[in-house]
Amino acid sequence: MDPAAKGAGTDRRGIVYRLLTLISICLIAAAFVSPGWWVSLTAPNYPEATFPQGIRILFHMDSVRNGCDIRASKEVEENEALDCVHEMDTINHYVGMYPIASGGPVEKAFSPFLFAMMGVMLLAFAAPGRKTRIAVSVLGYGAVIGWMALTLYGENGVQYQTTGYLRGLVVSLGQDTKDKVEADQNLSPIVKMLKQSLEDSAASEKTSTATIGDRQALIDNLKANYEIDEQKKPMHEQVGWTGSGMQVFQWHYAKSLARWFNEPARNDPLVATMSVVARVLFWVVIGFMAVLTAIAALSAKRPLYWVLVLVPLLLPVGFLAEYAGWLWWYGHSLNEMGAFTLKPFMPTVFGDGKVAQFTTHSYPASGFFLMLASSVALALAALIRAKQLRLAGAAAEGM
């Protein structure tokens, strides 16, 4: 084959693999803002006519959200959907299961930075030439590190977290039934105060706690809750609000664990462990990005170059592993203070299962399919890129 023809072929392949990579970046971004998985509970005491979707929740990358919609019924008019995260938590706590908000705290806090890192990896993979790869890596990873450091350790850094993450923290704080008030049977005082502040500031139209979009109101809510908790401690133990992501993470995780089962001897070690994991992960991510920058400086013919595309390609596998791991933890960390006693069990990861009188349904949602589509696009891009490099090498040898 004429070397010139080979060169033209590699150019076309270069355009195709870069286009597929850019499509994959868009798919991964869409997956981040979409639910990755959904779980539903159905039982005879939750009839389909009243609960057409069962008690349903949605697992997003940065939070767990309500999966129940407003019921369409001629007999009953609903203005607000049932809070199914709260409902499922209430059901689960009877068998000694920790609240849903206590699962995956580190993953949820770090998810924006990890997804941004994968985006930079793919941009570096698609970049034409070594110098461009290095420039994309230095600028991209530097921006992610700065954002992560400012969020986790900067004063009021939590403001740089995603709205979904903040909303998830606030909504979980409003789920304790002992804080209900007669004025509103569905809201705790702190969440009711948040809604009122939103109405007063005209920050949004009539909303529920599941659709709050005012970031500052969410942060003010978290701060108010934090200060209330600190005032309950002895004066010498009180710590002022800094608003750093790590401070909010540690406080909220401890509060989530103690919501149903206030056992410091059992909960405090969990908080300490997750805090260490978060701090270690912070430096691991920085170190990994430094390694990725070094990889970008290597020739595209080196085996390490393929790490840039392999990690994002395996995103669905990583998501499933995390999801299954936390389900195992929920089923094997049952508290004896629950009203009913169950032996440790593995909740259903995929498909339908049975726990007591409840049928569980666990299936992928749109975000997971977007991740799968991204992986397919990246696999094709990697194959085309490999052939392009092979043909370019053959053409160089033939000249």
Foldseek 3Di string as FASTA:
>chain_A
DALVVLVVLLVVLLVQLLVLLVLLLVLLVVLQVFFFKKKAKDFPVCDCQNQVRHLMWTHHQQAIAGPFDFDDDPVDGDPDTDRSLLVVQVVLVLQQFFRPRLAPLLRNQCVVLVSLLLSLLSVLLSDPDLVRSLVSLVVSLVVSLVLSCCQAPNQLSVLSTDQNNLLRLLVLVFNQQVQADPVDNRTGPLQVVLQVVCVVVVVDDRDHSRPDDDSVSSLVSLQVVLVVVQVVDPPVPRDHHRNHNLVSSLVSSLCRRPSSPNDCVPSVVVSVVVSVVNVVVSVVSSVVSVVSSVLSNDDCPDPVSCVSLVVLLCVLVVVLVSQQVRQQVRQCVGDPPRNDHDDRDRPDQAAWDDDPRMIMHMHTDPSSVSSNSSNVSSVVSVVSNVVSVVSNVVSVVVD
